[in-house]
Amino acid sequence: MLVTVNALPLAVGVLLSCSTTLGEVSVYGRRTLGTAWALTQLLVLVGGTWWYESRAASSCEPATATTTASRSVGGTW
């Protein structure tokens, strides 16, 4: 499943970059299929990064700190 999710955008990008006639298909006004695909990929990248960062920053568990009491006597880090 993960391979399909990652391979599909790559295949569409390669297809649009190799075929200029397909990339020039008008979607809405002056927007072409190529520019619409590029904008969609940019939005997915920014949205995914924002989602990941918000989940990583909202962790309620504090980071564990290594203190001198938790180290073994005479040991190294």
C-alpha atoms as a PDB file:
ATOM      1  CA  MET A   1       0.000   0.000   0.000  1.00  0.00           C
ATOM      2  CA  LEU A   2       2.772   2.444   0.946  1.00  0.00           C
ATOM      3  CA  VAL A   3       4.616   1.785  -2.311  1.00  0.00           C
ATOM      4  CA  THR A   4       1.475   2.622  -4.292  1.00  0.00           C
ATOM      5  CA  VAL A   5       0.899   5.826  -2.346  1.00  0.00           C
ATOM      6  CA  ASN A   6       4.458   6.962  -3.029  1.00  0.00           C
ATOM      7  CA  ALA A   7       4.731   5.662  -6.585  1.00  0.00           C
ATOM      8  CA  LEU A   8       1.526   7.217  -7.931  1.00  0.00           C
ATOM      9  CA  PRO A   9       2.566  10.893  -7.523  1.00  0.00           C
ATOM     10  CA  LEU A  10       5.993  10.071  -8.939  1.00  0.00           C
ATOM     11  CA  ALA A  11       4.487   8.363 -11.978  1.00  0.00           C
ATOM     12  CA  VAL A  12       2.100  11.256 -12.620  1.00  0.00           C
ATOM     13  CA  GLY A  13       4.942  13.768 -12.271  1.00  0.00           C
ATOM     14  CA  VAL A  14       7.136  11.859 -14.701  1.00  0.00           C
ATOM     15  CA  LEU A  15       4.254  11.495 -17.156  1.00  0.00           C
ATOM     16  CA  LEU A  16       3.459  15.215 -17.040  1.00  0.00           C
ATOM     17  CA  SER A  17       7.094  16.238 -17.396  1.00  0.00           C
ATOM     18  CA  CYS A  18       7.723  13.926 -20.355  1.00  0.00           C
ATOM     19  CA  SER A  19       4.534  14.716 -22.250  1.00  0.00           C
ATOM     20  CA  THR A  20       4.232  18.431 -22.949  1.00  0.00           C
ATOM     21  CA  THR A  21       0.866  18.021 -24.665  1.00  0.00           C
ATOM     22  CA  LEU A  22      -0.590  16.343 -21.584  1.00  0.00           C
ATOM     23  CA  GLY A  23       0.852  18.988 -19.257  1.00  0.00           C
ATOM     24  CA  GLU A  24      -0.677  21.772 -21.364  1.00  0.00           C
ATOM     25  CA  VAL A  25      -4.254  20.526 -20.995  1.00  0.00           C
ATOM     26  CA  SER A  26      -6.366  23.415 -19.698  1.00  0.00           C
ATOM     27  CA  VAL A  27      -7.985  22.736 -16.329  1.00  0.00           C
ATOM     28  CA  TYR A  28      -9.437  26.097 -15.300  1.00  0.00           C
ATOM     29  CA  GLY A  29      -8.860  29.300 -17.230  1.00  0.00           C
ATOM     30  CA  ARG A  30      -5.140  29.658 -17.809  1.00  0.00           C
ATOM     31  CA  ARG A  31      -4.323  26.872 -15.328  1.00  0.00           C
ATOM     32  CA  THR A  32      -2.925  23.786 -16.987  1.00  0.00           C
ATOM     33  CA  LEU A  33      -2.783  20.234 -15.734  1.00  0.00           C
ATOM     34  CA  GLY A  34       0.949  20.595 -15.083  1.00  0.00           C
ATOM     35  CA  THR A  35       0.615  23.718 -12.940  1.00  0.00           C
ATOM     36  CA  ALA A  36      -2.388  22.276 -11.086  1.00  0.00           C
ATOM     37  CA  TRP A  37      -0.395  19.123 -10.290  1.00  0.00           C
ATOM     38  CA  ALA A  38       2.606  21.162  -9.108  1.00  0.00           C
ATOM     39  CA  LEU A  39       0.378  23.301  -6.868  1.00  0.00           C
ATOM     40  CA  THR A  40      -1.286  20.184  -5.464  1.00  0.00           C
ATOM     41  CA  GLN A  41       2.092  18.621  -4.660  1.00  0.00           C
ATOM     42  CA  LEU A  42       3.244  21.824  -2.965  1.00  0.00           C
ATOM     43  CA  LEU A  43       0.105  21.981  -0.827  1.00  0.00           C
ATOM     44  CA  VAL A  44       0.466  18.326   0.169  1.00  0.00           C
ATOM     45  CA  LEU A  45       4.118  18.905   1.129  1.00  0.00           C
ATOM     46  CA  VAL A  46       3.364  21.998   3.231  1.00  0.00           C
ATOM     47  CA  GLY A  47       0.282  20.410   4.809  1.00  0.00           C
ATOM     48  CA  GLY A  48       2.110  17.201   5.644  1.00  0.00           C
ATOM     49  CA  THR A  49       5.022  19.084   7.149  1.00  0.00           C
ATOM     50  CA  TRP A  50       2.682  21.240   9.225  1.00  0.00           C
ATOM     51  CA  TRP A  51       0.761  18.161  10.426  1.00  0.00           C
ATOM     52  CA  TYR A  52       3.953  16.309  11.353  1.00  0.00           C
ATOM     53  CA  GLU A  53       5.440  19.276  13.194  1.00  0.00           C
ATOM     54  CA  SER A  54       2.229  19.966  15.117  1.00  0.00           C
ATOM     55  CA  ARG A  55       2.031  16.332  16.244  1.00  0.00           C
ATOM     56  CA  ALA A  56       5.706  16.250  17.225  1.00  0.00           C
ATOM     57  CA  ALA A  57       5.452  19.503  19.188  1.00  0.00           C
ATOM     58  CA  SER A  58       2.313  18.456  21.065  1.00  0.00           C
ATOM     59  CA  SER A  59       3.908  15.535  22.868  1.00  0.00           C
ATOM     60  CA  CYS A  60       2.931  15.697  26.525  1.00  0.00           C
ATOM     61  CA  GLU A  61       5.772  13.524  27.757  1.00  0.00           C
ATOM     62  CA  PRO A  62       8.850  15.445  28.887  1.00  0.00           C
ATOM     63  CA  ALA A  63      12.234  14.406  27.600  1.00  0.00           C
ATOM     64  CA  THR A  64      14.247  12.252  29.933  1.00  0.00           C
ATOM     65  CA  ALA A  65      17.331  13.904  31.376  1.00  0.00           C
ATOM     66  CA  THR A  66      20.473  12.028  32.322  1.00  0.00           C
ATOM     67  CA  THR A  67      21.692  13.086  35.730  1.00  0.00           C
ATOM     68  CA  THR A  68      24.833  12.248  37.594  1.00  0.00           C
ATOM     69  CA  ALA A  69      22.821  10.073  39.970  1.00  0.00           C
ATOM     70  CA  SER A  70      21.559   7.855  37.162  1.00  0.00           C
ATOM     71  CA  ARG A  71      25.046   7.183  35.777  1.00  0.00           C
ATOM     72  CA  SER A  72      27.040   4.274  37.111  1.00  0.00           C
ATOM     73  CA  VAL A  73      29.964   5.194  39.299  1.00  0.00           C
ATOM     74  CA  GLY A  74      33.151   5.408  37.278  1.00  0.00           C
ATOM     75  CA  GLY A  75      31.335   4.634  34.009  1.00  0.00           C
ATOM     76  CA  THR A  76      31.327   6.584  30.843  1.00  0.00           C
ATOM     77  CA  TRP A  77      28.409   8.049  28.959  1.00  0.00           C
END
